[in-house]
Amino acid sequence: MKKIMTLLWVSIVAFSCKEDKKVEPVTKETTQTEMQKNLSKYVTVKLTADVAKLTGKERKMIPILIQAADKMNDLFWVEAYGDKHKLLSSITDADTKAFVNINYGPWGRLNGNAPFVEGVGPKPLGANFYPKDMSKEEFEAATLDNKWSSYNFVRRDEKGKLYTIPYHKQFEKEVGEVAELLLEASKLADDAGLKKYLEFRAQSLLDDKYRPSDLAWMDMKTNTIDIVIGPIETYEDALFGNKAAHEAYVLIKDMEWSERLARFSRYLPELQVGLPVDEAYKKETPGTDSDLNAYDVVYYAGDCNAGSKTIAINLPNDEEVQLQKGTRRLQLKNAMRAKFDKIMVPIADVLIDESQRKHITFDAFFANTMFHEVAHGLGIKNTINGKGTVREALKEHSSALEEGKADILGLYMIQQLNAKGELKEDLKDNMVTFMAGIFRSVRFGASSAHGKANMIRFNFFKEKGAFTRNENGTYKVDFDKMIMAMKELSNLILTLQGNGDYDGVANLVAEKGIISKELQTDLNRLSDANIPVDVIFEQGTTVLGL
């Protein structure tokens, strides 16, 4: 386990079925360049699944869905940077090109979005969704069509005036091709719910009206194959946290694991009532038509494939759909297992007190990740004082606080269900694995929503004595104090969200969303031990044997 980095960079096929890049392996005996050190932050993982259990039609569907998903790469490139081919053609070094592809641009996503290509300046907060010279004040003062839509670009005309252009117009050719592929796949679908969803999703891509297909996706219950595709998450828009970026996952359901998870969603209303916050901040009733399922993911594309890779999905993001139907939580078991084995366990061997390393388990890692996604359904989606939705009120800080909420309420849910006897595992496993998970996630960089959420939690826990740092640089959890800190932080986050307190959240992020020198020194020890920060994927039809 500790020697996993002997070969750090082998046979990368992470971005497109069309691009098959080979990079010479870097061994321990090799003197690494700076770019090779950057590449060594990632370890390659094959995305495989048991396709033999699929029907003949399902096996025919997978390559079609992968082809549709692959097209999200080019759309996300436009959103994240702009002209991909112009950038790559300006670079001669093969390692730099490989790293640009991993990051979908010239900024290191695991290094605070710092530029790594000569002559490239800081990454615009609004990525390529807005004109680079546009200020927040100019946008807020402008009168624009569908100004706050998540599905359009903001551009300047020849006179310098701002205007909007919908995604389905900007990407008319591309989304037309994707829609045709989804309709082609729908003809092979024997599952009625999947067939309807693919048809509706194809139409959504053509008109940017996603609610009908989101509702159809929520109604799917018996499908084995799934695809999440379209403009979905808003993390890339760090200016307002509003514009959605294109991405895709192609998924195969793990029926056995899904059956184990099926019972937990029904506890959401009960857990909502018991949240450690005043009644006004838990007055909404979470949807109970949501489900929990485990999947093997066989293809990532676009936003979810950039930098750190997602290991669980909680969708849709549409607040109205959430209130009507809840959400679906998809646990990406094969990707999760890879991160646990190749990253989490080695981190624990370096930073967790030896007496508590026995509490680092995959089952606890799986449960913590799963309940993080479930916890997105708790709390409230609308402010209590007329400021609109929480997302609208908190703007660019909404994602970081929402991720922080899900992390801490996920642990709260585990503690509550453990007390009810619904979870039989040792709660100490969850808490120590949760602590190790902070170290794993914060290495993604404090500039990301997840990174800020992890640092807020780490620094809050430190203040409350939820853990101690030993003289040898290892950390030990105080179980009783962690439970208390969990409740206090839950109360703080839920109150900030319910009040739509933009300034309060901004202050919290500024004060606690930072990495201290002491912690950075400890994180550097992980790099010195050649522990990768994240994974990249060898993926596609060839890997699956299709």
Protein backbone atom coordinates (compact mmCIF):
# COMPACT_ATOMS: atom_id res chain seq x y z
CA MET A 1 0.00 0.00 0.00
CA LYS A 2 2.82 2.39 0.93
CA LYS A 3 4.65 1.65 -2.33
CA ILE A 4 1.79 2.48 -4.67
CA MET A 5 3.71 5.22 -6.43
CA THR A 6 6.48 3.14 -8.05
CA LEU A 7 4.90 3.82 -11.41
CA LEU A 8 3.14 7.14 -11.22
CA TRP A 9 1.96 7.80 -14.69
CA VAL A 10 0.94 5.01 -17.01
CA SER A 11 -1.38 4.84 -20.00
CA ILE A 12 -3.69 7.75 -19.32
CA VAL A 13 -7.02 7.57 -21.09
CA ALA A 14 -8.93 10.00 -18.94
CA PHE A 15 -10.55 12.55 -21.13
CA SER A 16 -11.94 11.19 -24.35
CA CYS A 17 -12.35 7.96 -26.21
CA LYS A 18 -10.74 9.81 -29.10
CA GLU A 19 -7.59 10.86 -27.21
CA ASP A 20 -5.24 8.08 -26.13
CA LYS A 21 -2.21 9.72 -24.56
CA LYS A 22 0.91 7.90 -23.43
CA VAL A 23 3.35 9.46 -20.99
CA GLU A 24 6.65 7.90 -20.00
CA PRO A 25 6.51 6.41 -16.47
CA VAL A 26 8.28 8.28 -13.69
CA THR A 27 10.18 6.00 -11.30
CA LYS A 28 11.65 6.78 -7.91
CA GLU A 29 15.10 6.80 -9.48
CA THR A 30 14.11 9.51 -11.96
CA THR A 31 14.82 13.16 -11.23
CA GLN A 32 11.37 14.66 -11.55
CA THR A 33 10.64 17.91 -13.30
CA GLU A 34 8.11 20.26 -11.72
CA MET A 35 5.47 19.10 -14.18
CA GLN A 36 6.18 15.43 -13.43
CA LYS A 37 5.67 16.25 -9.75
CA ASN A 38 2.31 17.72 -10.68
CA LEU A 39 1.39 14.59 -12.63
CA SER A 40 2.45 12.39 -9.72
CA LYS A 41 -0.39 13.88 -7.63
CA TYR A 42 -2.68 11.54 -9.57
CA VAL A 43 -2.78 7.75 -9.68
CA THR A 44 -4.33 5.95 -12.64
CA VAL A 45 -7.34 3.70 -12.06
CA LYS A 46 -9.18 1.50 -14.56
CA LEU A 47 -12.92 2.05 -14.55
CA THR A 48 -14.31 -1.43 -14.99
CA ALA A 49 -17.61 -3.15 -14.24
CA ASP A 50 -19.22 -6.54 -14.74
CA VAL A 51 -20.94 -5.99 -18.09
CA ALA A 52 -21.68 -9.71 -18.46
CA LYS A 53 -24.69 -9.28 -16.18
CA LEU A 54 -26.25 -6.77 -18.60
CA THR A 55 -28.74 -7.71 -21.29
CA GLY A 56 -27.71 -7.64 -24.93
CA LYS A 57 -29.56 -4.36 -25.46
CA GLU A 58 -27.93 -2.81 -22.41
CA ARG A 59 -24.49 -3.79 -23.68
CA LYS A 60 -25.34 -2.03 -26.95
CA MET A 61 -26.53 1.04 -25.05
CA ILE A 62 -23.33 1.60 -23.09
CA PRO A 63 -21.10 2.61 -26.08
CA ILE A 64 -23.83 4.98 -27.33
CA LEU A 65 -24.13 6.63 -23.93
CA ILE A 66 -20.34 6.90 -23.63
CA GLN A 67 -20.26 8.61 -27.03
CA ALA A 68 -22.89 11.09 -25.83
CA ALA A 69 -21.06 11.64 -22.54
CA ASP A 70 -17.74 12.22 -24.28
CA LYS A 71 -19.16 15.28 -26.03
CA MET A 72 -19.50 16.99 -22.64
CA ASN A 73 -15.70 17.29 -22.55
CA ASP A 74 -15.60 19.88 -25.33
CA LEU A 75 -18.51 21.86 -23.88
CA PHE A 76 -16.89 22.03 -20.47
CA TRP A 77 -13.60 23.12 -22.03
CA VAL A 78 -15.41 26.16 -23.47
CA GLU A 79 -16.98 26.95 -20.09
CA ALA A 80 -13.83 26.46 -18.04
CA TYR A 81 -11.30 28.07 -20.37
CA GLY A 82 -12.24 28.78 -23.98
CA ASP A 83 -10.30 27.60 -27.02
CA LYS A 84 -8.77 24.25 -26.02
CA HIS A 85 -6.96 23.64 -29.32
CA LYS A 86 -5.31 27.06 -29.36
CA LEU A 87 -3.99 26.51 -25.84
CA LEU A 88 -2.67 22.99 -26.50
CA SER A 89 -1.05 23.99 -29.79
CA SER A 90 0.93 26.68 -27.94
CA ILE A 91 2.51 24.06 -25.64
CA THR A 92 5.37 21.80 -26.77
CA ASP A 93 6.06 19.86 -23.56
CA ALA A 94 4.12 16.56 -23.44
CA ASP A 95 3.86 16.51 -19.64
CA THR A 96 2.43 20.03 -19.58
CA LYS A 97 -0.13 19.07 -22.23
CA ALA A 98 -1.14 16.04 -20.16
CA PHE A 99 -1.57 18.22 -17.08
CA VAL A 100 -3.58 20.78 -19.04
CA ASN A 101 -5.93 17.98 -20.08
CA ILE A 102 -6.36 16.80 -16.51
CA ASN A 103 -7.28 20.33 -15.43
CA TYR A 104 -9.28 21.33 -18.52
CA GLY A 105 -7.15 24.42 -18.69
CA PRO A 106 -3.84 25.99 -17.55
CA TRP A 107 -4.78 26.32 -13.86
CA GLY A 108 -4.00 23.68 -11.24
CA ARG A 109 -7.27 22.61 -9.66
CA LEU A 110 -5.48 20.93 -6.76
CA ASN A 111 -3.28 23.99 -6.23
CA GLY A 112 -5.75 26.81 -5.65
CA ASN A 113 -6.22 27.27 -9.43
CA ALA A 114 -2.69 28.64 -9.72
CA PRO A 115 -1.53 29.00 -13.37
CA PHE A 116 1.11 26.49 -14.50
CA VAL A 117 1.51 27.55 -18.14
CA GLU A 118 3.91 30.41 -18.85
CA GLY A 119 2.17 33.66 -19.72
CA VAL A 120 -1.20 32.65 -18.33
CA GLY A 121 -2.63 34.93 -15.65
CA PRO A 122 -4.96 34.11 -12.75
CA LYS A 123 -8.11 32.14 -13.50
CA PRO A 124 -11.14 34.44 -13.87
CA LEU A 125 -13.62 33.87 -11.05
CA GLY A 126 -16.38 33.55 -13.62
CA ALA A 127 -14.33 31.11 -15.73
CA ASN A 128 -15.53 31.63 -19.33
CA PHE A 129 -19.20 32.10 -18.45
CA TYR A 130 -18.81 35.89 -18.38
CA PRO A 131 -16.59 38.47 -20.11
CA LYS A 132 -13.25 38.48 -18.33
CA ASP A 133 -13.38 42.26 -17.85
CA MET A 134 -16.87 42.22 -16.31
CA SER A 135 -17.26 43.15 -12.64
CA LYS A 136 -19.90 41.80 -10.31
CA GLU A 137 -21.32 45.30 -10.00
CA GLU A 138 -21.69 45.68 -13.76
CA PHE A 139 -23.57 42.40 -14.01
CA GLU A 140 -25.84 43.15 -11.07
CA ALA A 141 -26.75 46.54 -12.53
CA ALA A 142 -27.37 45.24 -16.06
CA THR A 143 -30.81 44.50 -17.53
CA LEU A 144 -30.47 41.18 -19.35
CA ASP A 145 -32.72 38.42 -20.68
CA ASN A 146 -32.86 35.52 -18.20
CA LYS A 147 -30.12 37.23 -16.25
CA TRP A 148 -29.93 34.67 -13.46
CA SER A 149 -30.47 31.61 -15.61
CA SER A 150 -28.01 28.82 -14.91
CA TYR A 151 -28.07 27.88 -18.59
CA ASN A 152 -26.62 30.80 -20.53
CA PHE A 153 -23.39 32.67 -21.22
CA VAL A 154 -22.94 36.41 -20.69
CA ARG A 155 -21.11 38.15 -23.54
CA ARG A 156 -20.43 41.65 -24.91
CA ASP A 157 -21.68 42.92 -28.26
CA GLU A 158 -19.58 45.07 -30.60
CA LYS A 159 -20.54 48.17 -28.57
CA GLY A 160 -19.44 46.59 -25.30
CA LYS A 161 -22.98 46.01 -24.00
CA LEU A 162 -23.67 42.82 -22.07
CA TYR A 163 -26.09 40.25 -23.47
CA THR A 164 -26.90 36.58 -22.83
CA ILE A 165 -26.86 33.58 -25.12
CA PRO A 166 -28.51 30.29 -24.07
CA TYR A 167 -26.44 27.12 -24.00
CA HIS A 168 -28.70 25.45 -26.55
CA LYS A 169 -27.88 28.27 -29.00
CA GLN A 170 -24.17 28.53 -28.18
CA PHE A 171 -23.78 24.75 -28.50
CA GLU A 172 -26.55 24.13 -31.04
CA LYS A 173 -24.61 21.63 -33.17
CA GLU A 174 -23.15 19.74 -30.21
CA VAL A 175 -26.34 19.36 -28.17
CA GLY A 176 -28.18 18.31 -31.31
CA GLU A 177 -25.72 15.44 -31.73
CA VAL A 178 -26.03 14.46 -28.07
CA ALA A 179 -29.84 14.52 -28.26
CA GLU A 180 -29.74 12.17 -31.26
CA LEU A 181 -27.50 9.75 -29.37
CA LEU A 182 -29.80 9.76 -26.33
CA LEU A 183 -32.79 9.06 -28.56
CA GLU A 184 -30.86 6.26 -30.24
CA ALA A 185 -30.12 4.75 -26.82
CA SER A 186 -33.76 5.15 -25.76
CA LYS A 187 -34.82 2.80 -28.55
CA LEU A 188 -32.78 0.05 -26.89
CA ALA A 189 -34.21 0.70 -23.40
CA ASP A 190 -36.59 -1.99 -22.15
CA ASP A 191 -37.04 -0.14 -18.85
CA ALA A 192 -39.93 2.31 -19.32
CA GLY A 193 -38.54 4.84 -16.83
CA LEU A 194 -35.15 4.93 -18.50
CA LYS A 195 -36.71 5.23 -21.95
CA LYS A 196 -38.82 8.21 -20.85
CA TYR A 197 -35.88 9.91 -19.15
CA LEU A 198 -33.62 9.59 -22.20
CA GLU A 199 -36.33 11.05 -24.42
CA PHE A 200 -37.01 13.93 -22.03
CA ARG A 201 -33.30 14.61 -21.46
CA ALA A 202 -32.71 14.79 -25.19
CA GLN A 203 -35.38 17.51 -25.41
CA SER A 204 -33.96 19.36 -22.37
CA LEU A 205 -30.61 19.70 -24.06
CA LEU A 206 -32.34 21.31 -27.04
CA ASP A 207 -34.26 23.95 -25.07
CA ASP A 208 -32.49 24.27 -21.68
CA LYS A 209 -35.70 23.35 -19.84
CA TYR A 210 -34.44 20.68 -17.49
CA ARG A 211 -37.24 20.28 -14.95
CA PRO A 212 -39.29 17.75 -17.00
CA SER A 213 -36.28 15.49 -17.48
CA ASP A 214 -35.25 15.95 -13.82
CA LEU A 215 -38.69 14.77 -12.74
CA ALA A 216 -38.49 11.84 -15.16
CA TRP A 217 -35.07 10.96 -13.75
CA MET A 218 -36.51 10.98 -10.23
CA ASP A 219 -39.28 8.61 -11.32
CA MET A 220 -36.83 5.94 -12.55
CA LYS A 221 -36.74 3.07 -10.06
CA THR A 222 -35.97 -0.18 -11.86
CA ASN A 223 -33.28 0.82 -14.36
CA THR A 224 -29.90 -0.93 -14.43
CA ILE A 225 -28.22 1.57 -16.77
CA ASP A 226 -28.11 5.29 -16.02
CA ILE A 227 -26.56 8.44 -17.43
CA VAL A 228 -26.25 11.82 -15.76
CA ILE A 229 -25.66 14.35 -18.52
CA GLY A 230 -26.00 18.07 -19.15
CA PRO A 231 -25.19 21.38 -17.43
CA ILE A 232 -25.48 20.46 -13.76
CA GLU A 233 -23.15 21.76 -11.02
CA THR A 234 -22.31 25.44 -10.50
CA TYR A 235 -18.90 25.15 -8.77
CA GLU A 236 -17.01 26.39 -11.85
CA ASP A 237 -18.75 29.77 -11.57
CA ALA A 238 -16.83 31.19 -8.61
CA LEU A 239 -18.13 34.69 -9.37
CA PHE A 240 -21.80 34.06 -8.57
CA GLY A 241 -22.06 30.28 -8.13
CA ASN A 242 -24.87 30.33 -10.67
CA LYS A 243 -23.86 29.09 -14.13
CA ALA A 244 -24.07 25.32 -14.56
CA ALA A 245 -21.23 23.42 -16.23
CA HIS A 246 -21.56 20.45 -18.58
CA GLU A 247 -20.63 16.98 -17.40
CA ALA A 248 -21.64 13.34 -17.70
CA TYR A 249 -21.43 10.02 -15.90
CA VAL A 250 -22.33 6.65 -17.42
CA LEU A 251 -23.37 4.22 -14.69
CA ILE A 252 -24.28 0.58 -14.05
CA LYS A 253 -26.32 -0.13 -10.92
CA ASP A 254 -24.98 -2.54 -8.31
CA MET A 255 -28.24 -4.25 -7.35
CA GLU A 256 -26.89 -6.04 -4.25
CA TRP A 257 -25.45 -2.91 -2.64
CA SER A 258 -28.44 -0.83 -3.65
CA GLU A 259 -30.77 -3.16 -1.76
CA ARG A 260 -28.73 -2.56 1.40
CA LEU A 261 -29.21 1.21 1.10
CA ALA A 262 -32.88 1.33 0.16
CA ARG A 263 -34.32 1.81 3.64
CA PHE A 264 -32.52 4.98 4.75
CA SER A 265 -34.40 7.68 2.82
CA ARG A 266 -37.57 7.13 4.83
CA TYR A 267 -35.84 8.54 7.91
CA LEU A 268 -35.34 11.98 6.37
CA PRO A 269 -38.52 13.62 7.79
CA GLU A 270 -37.78 12.26 11.27
CA LEU A 271 -34.17 13.39 11.14
CA GLN A 272 -35.26 16.82 9.86
CA VAL A 273 -37.44 17.28 12.95
CA GLY A 274 -34.51 16.41 15.20
CA LEU A 275 -31.96 18.76 13.65
CA PRO A 276 -30.01 20.71 16.31
CA VAL A 277 -31.38 24.14 15.30
CA ASP A 278 -34.38 26.36 16.04
CA GLU A 279 -37.73 25.32 14.54
CA ALA A 280 -37.78 28.13 11.97
CA TYR A 281 -34.75 26.62 10.23
CA LYS A 282 -36.24 23.17 9.73
CA LYS A 283 -39.82 23.98 8.79
CA GLU A 284 -39.60 22.45 5.30
CA THR A 285 -40.40 18.79 4.87
CA PRO A 286 -37.81 16.96 2.76
CA GLY A 287 -39.12 14.90 -0.15
CA THR A 288 -39.30 11.18 0.59
CA ASP A 289 -39.52 9.94 -2.98
CA SER A 290 -35.75 9.91 -3.05
CA ASP A 291 -33.63 6.80 -3.20
CA LEU A 292 -30.15 5.55 -2.44
CA ASN A 293 -28.32 3.34 -4.89
CA ALA A 294 -24.81 2.07 -5.49
CA TYR A 295 -23.30 2.16 -8.96
CA ASP A 296 -20.16 1.30 -10.82
CA VAL A 297 -19.28 4.35 -12.89
CA VAL A 298 -17.81 3.48 -16.27
CA TYR A 299 -17.27 6.95 -17.77
CA TYR A 300 -16.62 10.46 -16.50
CA ALA A 301 -16.64 13.56 -18.74
CA GLY A 302 -16.54 17.31 -18.32
CA ASP A 303 -16.87 19.05 -14.96
CA CYS A 304 -16.89 15.87 -12.85
CA ASN A 305 -13.67 14.71 -14.54
CA ALA A 306 -11.72 17.92 -13.87
CA GLY A 307 -9.15 17.79 -11.10
CA SER A 308 -10.58 15.92 -8.10
CA LYS A 309 -13.12 13.28 -9.10
CA THR A 310 -16.60 12.94 -7.67
CA ILE A 311 -17.37 9.68 -5.81
CA ALA A 312 -21.05 10.33 -5.04
CA ILE A 313 -23.89 12.23 -6.69
CA ASN A 314 -26.87 14.01 -5.16
CA LEU A 315 -29.26 15.40 -7.78
CA PRO A 316 -31.27 17.18 -9.12
CA ASN A 317 -30.21 20.64 -7.92
CA ASP A 318 -33.60 22.20 -8.81
CA GLU A 319 -35.10 23.21 -5.45
CA GLU A 320 -38.67 22.71 -6.69
CA VAL A 321 -37.91 19.15 -7.79
CA GLN A 322 -36.23 18.50 -4.45
CA LEU A 323 -39.30 19.66 -2.53
CA GLN A 324 -41.64 17.61 -4.73
CA LYS A 325 -39.60 14.45 -5.12
CA GLY A 326 -36.49 14.70 -2.98
CA THR A 327 -33.24 13.72 -4.64
CA ARG A 328 -31.48 10.61 -5.85
CA ARG A 329 -28.19 9.68 -4.21
CA LEU A 330 -25.81 7.67 -6.30
CA GLN A 331 -22.77 6.13 -4.60
CA LEU A 332 -19.99 5.45 -7.11
CA LYS A 333 -18.66 2.33 -5.44
CA ASN A 334 -15.77 1.41 -7.72
CA ALA A 335 -14.37 4.96 -7.75
CA MET A 336 -14.86 5.18 -3.99
CA ARG A 337 -13.00 1.91 -3.41
CA ALA A 338 -10.07 3.11 -5.52
CA LYS A 339 -9.73 6.31 -3.51
CA PHE A 340 -9.98 4.45 -0.21
CA ASP A 341 -7.31 1.89 -1.08
CA LYS A 342 -4.87 4.15 -2.90
CA ILE A 343 -5.25 7.37 -0.92
CA MET A 344 -7.24 7.14 2.32
CA VAL A 345 -5.41 4.22 3.95
CA PRO A 346 -1.93 5.62 3.18
CA ILE A 347 -3.00 9.01 4.59
CA ALA A 348 -4.17 7.36 7.82
CA ASP A 349 -0.83 5.57 8.16
CA VAL A 350 0.90 8.97 8.21
CA LEU A 351 -1.51 11.32 10.01
CA ILE A 352 -3.84 9.29 12.25
CA ASP A 353 -2.78 8.23 15.75
CA GLU A 354 -1.65 4.61 15.63
CA SER A 355 -4.15 3.57 18.31
CA GLN A 356 -7.07 4.75 16.13
CA ARG A 357 -5.99 3.44 12.71
CA LYS A 358 -8.08 0.32 13.25
CA HIS A 359 -11.13 2.59 12.88
CA ILE A 360 -10.29 3.43 9.26
CA THR A 361 -12.65 1.16 7.31
CA PHE A 362 -14.15 1.13 3.82
CA ASP A 363 -17.65 0.59 5.24
CA ALA A 364 -17.28 3.77 7.31
CA PHE A 365 -15.89 5.67 4.30
CA PHE A 366 -18.81 4.46 2.19
CA ALA A 367 -21.34 5.41 4.88
CA ASN A 368 -19.82 8.85 5.47
CA THR A 369 -19.90 9.58 1.75
CA MET A 370 -23.42 8.21 1.36
CA PHE A 371 -24.89 10.19 4.24
CA HIS A 372 -23.14 13.32 3.03
CA GLU A 373 -25.30 13.03 -0.09
CA VAL A 374 -28.44 12.19 1.89
CA ALA A 375 -27.84 15.20 4.15
CA HIS A 376 -28.18 17.58 1.20
CA GLY A 377 -31.90 16.89 1.58
CA LEU A 378 -31.98 18.16 5.18
CA GLY A 379 -32.30 21.77 6.31
CA ILE A 380 -34.12 24.26 4.11
CA LYS A 381 -33.86 25.35 0.50
CA ASN A 382 -35.53 28.75 0.98
CA THR A 383 -34.49 31.50 3.40
CA ILE A 384 -36.84 32.29 6.29
CA ASN A 385 -36.79 36.06 5.69
CA GLY A 386 -37.80 36.50 2.06
CA LYS A 387 -34.32 36.58 0.52
CA GLY A 388 -35.24 33.83 -1.94
CA THR A 389 -33.55 30.46 -2.11
CA VAL A 390 -30.44 29.82 -0.03
CA ARG A 391 -28.46 29.48 -3.27
CA GLU A 392 -29.64 32.88 -4.52
CA ALA A 393 -28.97 34.61 -1.19
CA LEU A 394 -25.49 33.22 -0.58
CA LYS A 395 -24.33 33.47 -4.22
CA GLU A 396 -20.74 32.33 -4.72
CA HIS A 397 -20.50 31.11 -1.10
CA SER A 398 -23.56 28.86 -1.34
CA SER A 399 -21.71 25.81 -2.67
CA ALA A 400 -19.03 25.83 0.02
CA LEU A 401 -21.57 26.19 2.83
CA GLU A 402 -23.88 23.56 1.33
CA GLU A 403 -20.99 21.08 1.10
CA GLY A 404 -20.07 21.90 4.69
CA LYS A 405 -23.68 21.32 5.74
CA ALA A 406 -23.83 17.97 3.99
CA ASP A 407 -20.56 16.82 5.57
CA ILE A 408 -21.53 17.69 9.12
CA LEU A 409 -25.19 16.63 8.88
CA GLY A 410 -24.09 13.37 7.28
CA LEU A 411 -22.15 12.60 10.44
CA TYR A 412 -25.13 13.74 12.51
CA MET A 413 -27.38 11.31 10.62
CA ILE A 414 -24.96 8.44 11.22
CA GLN A 415 -24.87 9.24 14.94
CA GLN A 416 -28.67 9.41 15.15
CA LEU A 417 -29.23 6.19 13.17
CA ASN A 418 -26.57 4.46 15.22
CA ALA A 419 -28.38 5.48 18.41
CA LYS A 420 -31.64 4.08 16.94
CA GLY A 421 -29.93 0.77 16.19
CA GLU A 422 -30.37 1.17 12.42
CA LEU A 423 -26.62 1.20 11.90
CA LYS A 424 -24.69 -1.56 13.63
CA GLU A 425 -21.13 -0.47 12.88
CA ASP A 426 -18.93 1.16 15.53
CA LEU A 427 -19.56 4.94 15.46
CA LYS A 428 -15.87 5.43 16.25
CA ASP A 429 -15.08 4.02 12.80
CA ASN A 430 -17.14 6.77 11.20
CA MET A 431 -15.58 9.55 13.26
CA VAL A 432 -11.95 8.54 12.74
CA THR A 433 -12.56 7.85 9.04
CA PHE A 434 -14.32 11.24 8.88
CA MET A 435 -11.18 12.87 10.33
CA ALA A 436 -8.93 11.13 7.81
CA GLY A 437 -11.38 12.20 5.12
CA ILE A 438 -10.76 15.85 5.97
CA PHE A 439 -7.06 15.39 5.21
CA ARG A 440 -7.88 13.62 1.96
CA SER A 441 -10.33 16.24 0.75
CA VAL A 442 -8.48 19.37 1.83
CA ARG A 443 -5.60 18.36 -0.45
CA PHE A 444 -7.92 19.29 -3.33
CA GLY A 445 -7.13 22.89 -2.40
CA ALA A 446 -8.92 25.45 -0.26
CA SER A 447 -10.07 27.28 -3.40
CA SER A 448 -12.70 24.64 -4.20
CA ALA A 449 -16.11 24.48 -2.54
CA HIS A 450 -15.25 21.12 -0.97
CA GLY A 451 -11.84 22.40 0.13
CA LYS A 452 -13.31 25.44 1.86
CA ALA A 453 -15.94 23.27 3.54
CA ASN A 454 -13.27 20.92 4.85
CA MET A 455 -11.13 23.73 6.23
CA ILE A 456 -14.08 25.38 7.97
CA ARG A 457 -14.86 22.08 9.63
CA PHE A 458 -11.22 21.32 10.49
CA ASN A 459 -10.64 24.71 12.11
CA PHE A 460 -14.00 24.63 13.93
CA PHE A 461 -13.25 21.15 15.29
CA LYS A 462 -9.80 22.28 16.36
CA GLU A 463 -11.26 25.19 18.34
CA LYS A 464 -13.72 22.84 20.05
CA GLY A 465 -11.11 20.22 20.93
CA ALA A 466 -12.70 17.54 18.75
CA PHE A 467 -9.19 16.28 18.01
CA THR A 468 -5.67 16.75 19.30
CA ARG A 469 -2.37 16.81 17.45
CA ASN A 470 0.36 14.66 18.95
CA GLU A 471 4.02 15.64 19.13
CA ASN A 472 4.80 13.22 16.31
CA GLY A 473 2.36 15.04 13.98
CA THR A 474 -0.46 12.50 14.17
CA TYR A 475 -4.06 13.34 15.09
CA LYS A 476 -6.34 11.71 17.64
CA VAL A 477 -10.13 12.11 17.79
CA ASP A 478 -11.87 13.00 21.07
CA PHE A 479 -15.15 11.20 20.41
CA ASP A 480 -17.34 13.03 22.94
CA LYS A 481 -16.09 16.48 21.92
CA MET A 482 -16.51 15.67 18.22
CA ILE A 483 -20.19 14.89 18.77
CA MET A 484 -20.66 18.21 20.55
CA ALA A 485 -18.74 20.12 17.88
CA MET A 486 -20.81 18.40 15.19
CA LYS A 487 -24.04 19.71 16.75
CA GLU A 488 -22.70 23.24 17.22
CA LEU A 489 -21.40 23.49 13.66
CA SER A 490 -24.67 22.08 12.31
CA ASN A 491 -26.56 24.81 14.16
CA LEU A 492 -24.25 27.53 12.84
CA ILE A 493 -24.45 26.45 9.19
CA LEU A 494 -28.22 25.88 9.18
CA THR A 495 -28.77 29.30 10.77
CA LEU A 496 -26.56 31.06 8.24
CA GLN A 497 -28.37 29.33 5.39
CA GLY A 498 -31.85 30.05 6.73
CA ASN A 499 -31.01 33.71 7.27
CA GLY A 500 -29.45 34.01 3.82
CA ASP A 501 -26.61 35.70 5.70
CA TYR A 502 -24.17 36.46 2.88
CA ASP A 503 -21.83 38.58 5.04
CA GLY A 504 -21.85 36.02 7.83
CA VAL A 505 -20.89 33.22 5.45
CA ALA A 506 -18.23 35.38 3.80
CA ASN A 507 -16.70 36.03 7.23
CA LEU A 508 -16.82 32.33 8.13
CA VAL A 509 -15.06 31.40 4.89
CA ALA A 510 -12.45 34.14 5.36
CA GLU A 511 -11.72 33.20 8.97
CA LYS A 512 -11.90 29.41 8.84
CA GLY A 513 -11.70 28.41 5.18
CA ILE A 514 -7.90 28.58 5.22
CA ILE A 515 -5.03 26.14 5.65
CA SER A 516 -2.73 26.97 8.57
CA LYS A 517 1.07 26.65 8.29
CA GLU A 518 1.02 23.74 10.74
CA LEU A 519 -1.57 21.82 8.74
CA GLN A 520 0.23 22.57 5.47
CA THR A 521 3.39 21.12 6.96
CA ASP A 522 1.50 17.93 7.78
CA LEU A 523 -0.05 17.80 4.31
CA ASN A 524 3.43 18.20 2.83
CA ARG A 525 4.40 15.01 4.64
CA LEU A 526 1.79 13.19 2.57
CA SER A 527 3.39 14.49 -0.62
CA ASP A 528 6.84 13.52 0.68
CA ALA A 529 5.47 10.00 1.21
CA ASN A 530 4.38 9.93 -2.48
CA ILE A 531 0.72 9.56 -1.56
CA PRO A 532 -1.38 10.69 -4.54
CA VAL A 533 -3.95 13.43 -4.12
CA ASP A 534 -6.52 12.01 -6.49
CA VAL A 535 -7.19 9.60 -9.33
CA ILE A 536 -7.43 9.75 -13.08
CA PHE A 537 -9.24 7.19 -15.16
CA GLU A 538 -8.43 4.74 -17.87
CA GLN A 539 -11.93 4.40 -19.21
CA GLY A 540 -14.13 3.71 -22.20
CA THR A 541 -15.52 0.87 -24.27
CA THR A 542 -12.15 -0.84 -24.73
CA VAL A 543 -11.54 -1.00 -20.97
CA LEU A 544 -15.03 -2.50 -20.56
CA GLY A 545 -14.42 -5.05 -23.28
CA LEU A 546 -17.33 -3.72 -25.36
